[in-house]
């Protein structure tokens, strides 16, 4: 394989023997002058059909998290009765990286859909539970057991031909609210959110889970309420934007957001704004 462009010290974009573009991962493959031929013993993993936005995300993710996620996706591909998207590894790696960061900061977001996920997606949930157990051992991080729910939903979301479990009315409501909220964020911070980007895809996934909980009147049950005040002080503009979003949800759906839900929104609105270069 021929390496042609560096993403980081351990990940490069290259060409295989047939001239197809491939993302190559291996210890130290990004060092040295490019382009150059890579000996096969340096190639640990290859990823095809990763678009430009996915490559950007890959550049910023820890190599060990990508490698771990690739192993989980390998198992999932053998166990699940549907194909996964080319970006499945990155979607999962990004989710896991964020979960590890939250855990190290002692920030736990509860998963109130745990029972539903276990019943509706038992195979995905078992894979999620397995991944959490392996993460605890390999990364020495004390992930909560209900992180299995987030990983399971991540696998469901990575279906190559996604079939939503919600009915049509709920799907339309969630899609409309996602666009409304994104528009409020753009207007408040005077930014343009790229809706075709990988960053938007993961932001949208997280907000869709939030909106589904609101629509089903399922409250978050977490231990993070004490962090709400400190986050409001740390991110006053984000907090003010979230208050506007909360007012809009109240107007459209007649639902008052709890401080737990606002905490959740602050985290994810801050994330998309940071990625868009606010």
Protein backbone atom coordinates (compact mmCIF):
# COMPACT_ATOMS: atom_id res chain seq x y z
CA UNK A 1 0.00 0.00 0.00
CA UNK A 2 1.07 3.54 -0.73
CA UNK A 3 0.63 6.27 1.88
CA UNK A 4 -0.15 9.63 0.29
CA UNK A 5 -1.46 11.90 3.05
CA UNK A 6 -0.97 12.04 6.82
CA UNK A 7 -3.94 12.34 9.20
CA UNK A 8 -1.81 11.88 12.31
CA UNK A 9 1.24 9.89 13.36
CA UNK A 10 -0.68 6.62 13.31
CA UNK A 11 -3.24 7.16 10.54
CA UNK A 12 -2.72 8.01 6.86
CA UNK A 13 -4.75 8.12 3.68
CA UNK A 14 -3.37 5.83 1.02
CA UNK A 15 -4.02 3.81 -2.12
CA UNK A 16 -4.28 0.05 -2.34
CA UNK A 17 -2.94 -2.08 -5.19
CA UNK A 18 -6.11 -1.45 -7.21
CA UNK A 19 -5.82 2.33 -6.81
CA UNK A 20 -8.73 2.60 -4.32
CA UNK A 21 -8.44 5.20 -1.58
CA UNK A 22 -8.10 3.66 1.86
CA UNK A 23 -7.47 4.95 5.37
CA UNK A 24 -4.56 3.03 6.89
CA UNK A 25 -3.92 2.73 10.61
CA UNK A 26 -0.69 1.45 12.13
CA UNK A 27 1.88 2.52 14.69
CA UNK A 28 4.07 5.25 13.24
CA UNK A 29 2.71 5.06 9.66
CA UNK A 30 2.41 8.85 9.58
CA UNK A 31 6.09 9.47 10.27
CA UNK A 32 8.51 10.21 7.45
CA UNK A 33 8.13 11.69 4.01
CA UNK A 34 4.99 11.11 1.95
CA UNK A 35 4.07 9.67 -0.46
CA UNK A 36 5.84 6.35 0.16
CA UNK A 37 5.21 2.62 0.10
CA UNK A 38 4.23 1.03 3.43
CA UNK A 39 5.47 -2.44 4.36
CA UNK A 40 2.53 -4.70 5.18
CA UNK A 41 3.79 -5.38 8.70
CA UNK A 42 3.13 -1.71 9.55
CA UNK A 43 -0.53 -1.90 8.48
CA UNK A 44 -2.78 -2.80 11.42
CA UNK A 45 -6.17 -1.77 10.02
CA UNK A 46 -7.62 -0.47 6.77
CA UNK A 47 -10.89 1.40 6.31
CA UNK A 48 -12.62 1.92 2.97
CA UNK A 49 -15.30 4.45 1.96
CA UNK A 50 -14.44 6.93 4.71
CA UNK A 51 -15.44 10.37 3.43
CA UNK A 52 -13.51 13.61 4.02
CA UNK A 53 -15.47 14.57 7.15
CA UNK A 54 -14.97 11.08 8.56
CA UNK A 55 -11.25 11.33 7.91
CA UNK A 56 -11.16 14.60 9.82
CA UNK A 57 -12.85 12.96 12.79
CA UNK A 58 -10.47 10.02 12.58
CA UNK A 59 -7.50 12.38 12.77
CA UNK A 60 -8.64 13.63 16.18
CA UNK A 61 -9.64 10.31 17.76
CA UNK A 62 -7.18 8.25 19.85
CA UNK A 63 -5.80 5.37 17.79
CA UNK A 64 -6.42 2.90 20.61
CA UNK A 65 -10.12 3.86 20.70
CA UNK A 66 -10.44 3.45 16.94
CA UNK A 67 -8.74 0.05 17.13
CA UNK A 68 -11.02 -1.05 19.97
CA UNK A 69 -14.12 0.16 18.10
CA UNK A 70 -13.04 -1.66 14.95
CA UNK A 71 -12.87 -4.91 16.92
CA UNK A 72 -16.38 -4.35 18.29
CA UNK A 73 -17.71 -3.57 14.80
CA UNK A 74 -16.05 -6.75 13.47
CA UNK A 75 -17.97 -8.75 16.07
CA UNK A 76 -21.18 -6.77 15.44
CA UNK A 77 -20.94 -7.37 11.70
CA UNK A 78 -20.89 -11.12 12.34
CA UNK A 79 -23.68 -11.07 14.93
CA UNK A 80 -26.20 -8.57 13.56
CA UNK A 81 -28.61 -9.44 10.72
CA UNK A 82 -28.02 -6.19 8.83
CA UNK A 83 -25.03 -4.41 7.25
CA UNK A 84 -23.40 -1.46 9.01
CA UNK A 85 -22.43 1.80 7.35
CA UNK A 86 -18.81 2.46 6.28
CA UNK A 87 -18.59 5.07 9.04
CA UNK A 88 -19.77 2.65 11.74
CA UNK A 89 -16.30 2.37 13.30
CA UNK A 90 -15.95 6.15 13.51
CA UNK A 91 -19.45 6.64 14.90
CA UNK A 92 -18.72 4.11 17.62
CA UNK A 93 -15.19 5.39 18.29
CA UNK A 94 -16.46 8.94 18.68
CA UNK A 95 -19.20 7.76 21.04
CA UNK A 96 -16.78 5.71 23.13
CA UNK A 97 -14.19 8.50 23.25
CA UNK A 98 -16.81 10.93 24.51
CA UNK A 99 -18.06 8.38 27.08
CA UNK A 100 -14.52 7.90 28.40
CA UNK A 101 -14.03 11.67 28.66
CA UNK A 102 -17.33 12.05 30.54
CA UNK A 103 -16.46 9.23 32.91
CA UNK A 104 -13.07 10.71 33.73
CA UNK A 105 -14.83 13.99 34.54
CA UNK A 106 -17.35 12.08 36.68
CA UNK A 107 -20.14 13.25 34.41
CA UNK A 108 -22.76 10.52 34.11
CA UNK A 109 -25.79 10.96 31.83
CA UNK A 110 -28.42 8.37 32.70
CA UNK A 111 -30.06 6.20 30.03
CA UNK A 112 -33.80 6.09 30.80
CA UNK A 113 -34.49 4.02 27.66
CA UNK A 114 -32.52 1.05 29.03
CA UNK A 115 -35.52 -1.26 29.42
CA UNK A 116 -36.88 -0.41 25.98
CA UNK A 117 -33.51 -0.96 24.33
CA UNK A 118 -33.05 -4.33 26.03
CA UNK A 119 -36.45 -5.44 24.75
CA UNK A 120 -36.32 -3.94 21.25
CA UNK A 121 -32.63 -4.49 20.44
CA UNK A 122 -31.43 -7.47 22.53
CA UNK A 123 -28.49 -8.36 20.26
CA UNK A 124 -27.26 -4.77 20.12
CA UNK A 125 -27.63 -4.46 23.89
CA UNK A 126 -25.58 -7.62 24.49
CA UNK A 127 -22.86 -6.22 22.24
CA UNK A 128 -23.01 -2.94 24.17
CA UNK A 129 -22.66 -4.73 27.49
CA UNK A 130 -19.70 -6.71 26.15
CA UNK A 131 -18.05 -3.51 24.90
CA UNK A 132 -18.48 -1.80 28.29
CA UNK A 133 -16.89 -4.75 30.09
CA UNK A 134 -13.93 -4.78 27.69
CA UNK A 135 -13.51 -1.00 28.01
CA UNK A 136 -13.35 -1.28 31.78
CA UNK A 137 -10.57 -3.85 31.58
CA UNK A 138 -8.56 -2.49 28.66
CA UNK A 139 -8.83 1.24 29.37
CA UNK A 140 -9.08 1.05 33.17
CA UNK A 141 -12.09 3.37 33.15
CA UNK A 142 -15.12 2.97 35.41
CA UNK A 143 -17.91 3.18 32.83
CA UNK A 144 -21.44 2.80 34.17
CA UNK A 145 -23.28 -0.34 33.08
CA UNK A 146 -25.96 1.68 31.29
CA UNK A 147 -23.36 2.95 28.82
CA UNK A 148 -24.27 -0.31 27.07
CA UNK A 149 -27.50 1.40 26.02
CA UNK A 150 -25.66 4.20 24.24
CA UNK A 151 -23.44 1.74 22.40
CA UNK A 152 -26.46 -0.37 21.43
CA UNK A 153 -28.27 2.67 20.03
CA UNK A 154 -25.09 3.65 18.21
CA UNK A 155 -25.12 0.27 16.44
CA UNK A 156 -28.78 0.64 15.56
CA UNK A 157 -28.05 4.08 14.14
CA UNK A 158 -25.20 2.64 12.04
CA UNK A 159 -27.50 0.50 9.91
CA UNK A 160 -26.49 0.92 6.29
CA UNK A 161 -30.16 1.16 5.30
CA UNK A 162 -31.67 2.68 8.43
CA UNK A 163 -35.18 1.65 9.34
CA UNK A 164 -36.50 3.76 12.17
CA UNK A 165 -38.40 2.10 14.96
CA UNK A 166 -40.61 5.11 15.64
CA UNK A 167 -43.90 5.68 13.86
CA UNK A 168 -44.06 8.23 11.05
CA UNK A 169 -45.62 11.02 13.11
CA UNK A 170 -42.98 10.83 15.83
CA UNK A 171 -40.17 10.66 13.27
CA UNK A 172 -41.48 13.80 11.55
CA UNK A 173 -41.79 15.65 14.87
CA UNK A 174 -38.25 14.73 15.88
CA UNK A 175 -36.83 15.74 12.46
CA UNK A 176 -38.66 19.08 12.52
CA UNK A 177 -37.49 19.86 16.06
CA UNK A 178 -33.89 18.96 15.18
CA UNK A 179 -33.98 21.48 12.34
CA UNK A 180 -35.63 24.12 14.57
CA UNK A 181 -33.02 23.69 17.30
CA UNK A 182 -30.14 23.76 14.84
CA UNK A 183 -31.54 26.96 13.34
CA UNK A 184 -31.71 28.54 16.79
CA UNK A 185 -28.07 27.61 17.44
CA UNK A 186 -27.01 29.06 14.07
CA UNK A 187 -28.90 32.31 14.67
CA UNK A 188 -27.62 32.73 18.21
CA UNK A 189 -23.94 32.13 17.45
CA UNK A 190 -23.93 33.40 13.85
CA UNK A 191 -22.50 30.17 12.50
CA UNK A 192 -23.44 27.80 9.69
CA UNK A 193 -23.72 24.17 10.73
CA UNK A 194 -22.75 21.78 7.95
CA UNK A 195 -25.61 19.29 7.90
CA UNK A 196 -23.66 16.90 5.68
CA UNK A 197 -20.76 16.63 8.10
CA UNK A 198 -19.89 13.77 10.42
CA UNK A 199 -20.03 16.24 13.33
CA UNK A 200 -23.67 17.04 12.56
CA UNK A 201 -24.51 13.34 12.22
CA UNK A 202 -23.38 12.54 15.76
CA UNK A 203 -24.90 15.76 17.17
CA UNK A 204 -28.21 14.89 15.49
CA UNK A 205 -28.11 11.36 16.88
CA UNK A 206 -27.72 12.59 20.45
CA UNK A 207 -30.47 15.19 20.10
CA UNK A 208 -32.84 12.68 18.54
CA UNK A 209 -32.52 10.50 21.65
CA UNK A 210 -33.29 13.55 23.78
CA UNK A 211 -36.35 14.48 21.71
CA UNK A 212 -37.63 10.92 21.80
CA UNK A 213 -37.46 10.98 25.60
CA UNK A 214 -39.35 14.26 25.68
CA UNK A 215 -41.97 12.98 23.24
CA UNK A 216 -42.46 9.80 25.30
CA UNK A 217 -42.38 11.74 28.59
CA UNK A 218 -39.45 9.68 29.86
CA UNK A 219 -37.34 11.70 32.27
CA UNK A 220 -33.56 11.53 32.61
CA UNK A 221 -32.45 10.01 35.88
CA UNK A 222 -28.84 10.93 36.52
CA UNK A 223 -26.58 12.17 39.28
CA UNK A 224 -25.40 15.29 37.45
CA UNK A 225 -27.85 17.94 38.58
CA UNK A 226 -25.20 19.45 40.85
CA UNK A 227 -23.15 20.17 37.69
CA UNK A 228 -25.88 22.22 36.04
CA UNK A 229 -25.08 25.45 37.90
CA UNK A 230 -21.35 25.19 37.29
CA UNK A 231 -21.85 24.52 33.57
CA UNK A 232 -24.17 27.53 33.30
CA UNK A 233 -21.42 29.67 34.79
CA UNK A 234 -18.72 28.13 32.59
CA UNK A 235 -20.77 28.44 29.36
CA UNK A 236 -23.16 31.40 29.82
CA UNK A 237 -23.78 31.89 26.09
CA UNK A 238 -24.49 28.20 25.54
CA UNK A 239 -26.80 28.24 28.55
CA UNK A 240 -28.69 31.27 27.24
CA UNK A 241 -29.08 29.56 23.85
CA UNK A 242 -30.40 26.44 25.58
CA UNK A 243 -32.99 28.57 27.39
CA UNK A 244 -34.20 29.78 23.98
CA UNK A 245 -34.35 26.18 22.78
CA UNK A 246 -36.28 25.23 25.92
CA UNK A 247 -38.79 28.01 25.30
CA UNK A 248 -39.24 26.86 21.70
CA UNK A 249 -39.86 23.24 22.78
CA UNK A 250 -42.38 24.53 25.33
CA UNK A 251 -44.18 26.50 22.61
CA UNK A 252 -44.21 23.63 20.09
CA UNK A 253 -44.71 20.60 22.30
CA UNK A 254 -46.07 22.08 25.54
CA UNK A 255 -43.22 20.47 27.49
CA UNK A 256 -41.08 22.14 30.14
CA UNK A 257 -37.49 20.88 30.04
CA UNK A 258 -36.04 19.83 33.36
CA UNK A 259 -32.64 21.10 34.46
CA UNK A 260 -31.31 17.60 33.69
CA UNK A 261 -32.45 17.91 30.07
CA UNK A 262 -30.97 21.41 29.85
CA UNK A 263 -27.67 20.04 31.14
CA UNK A 264 -27.77 17.43 28.38
CA UNK A 265 -28.47 20.14 25.78
CA UNK A 266 -25.63 22.35 27.05
CA UNK A 267 -23.19 19.49 26.53
CA UNK A 268 -24.23 18.76 22.96
CA UNK A 269 -24.84 22.33 21.76
CA UNK A 270 -21.41 23.25 23.11
CA UNK A 271 -19.94 20.32 21.22
CA UNK A 272 -21.39 21.21 17.81
CA UNK A 273 -20.45 24.88 18.27
CA UNK A 274 -16.87 23.94 19.15
CA UNK A 275 -16.60 21.70 16.09
CA UNK A 276 -17.97 24.45 13.84
CA UNK A 277 -15.24 26.82 15.05
CA UNK A 278 -17.35 29.17 17.15
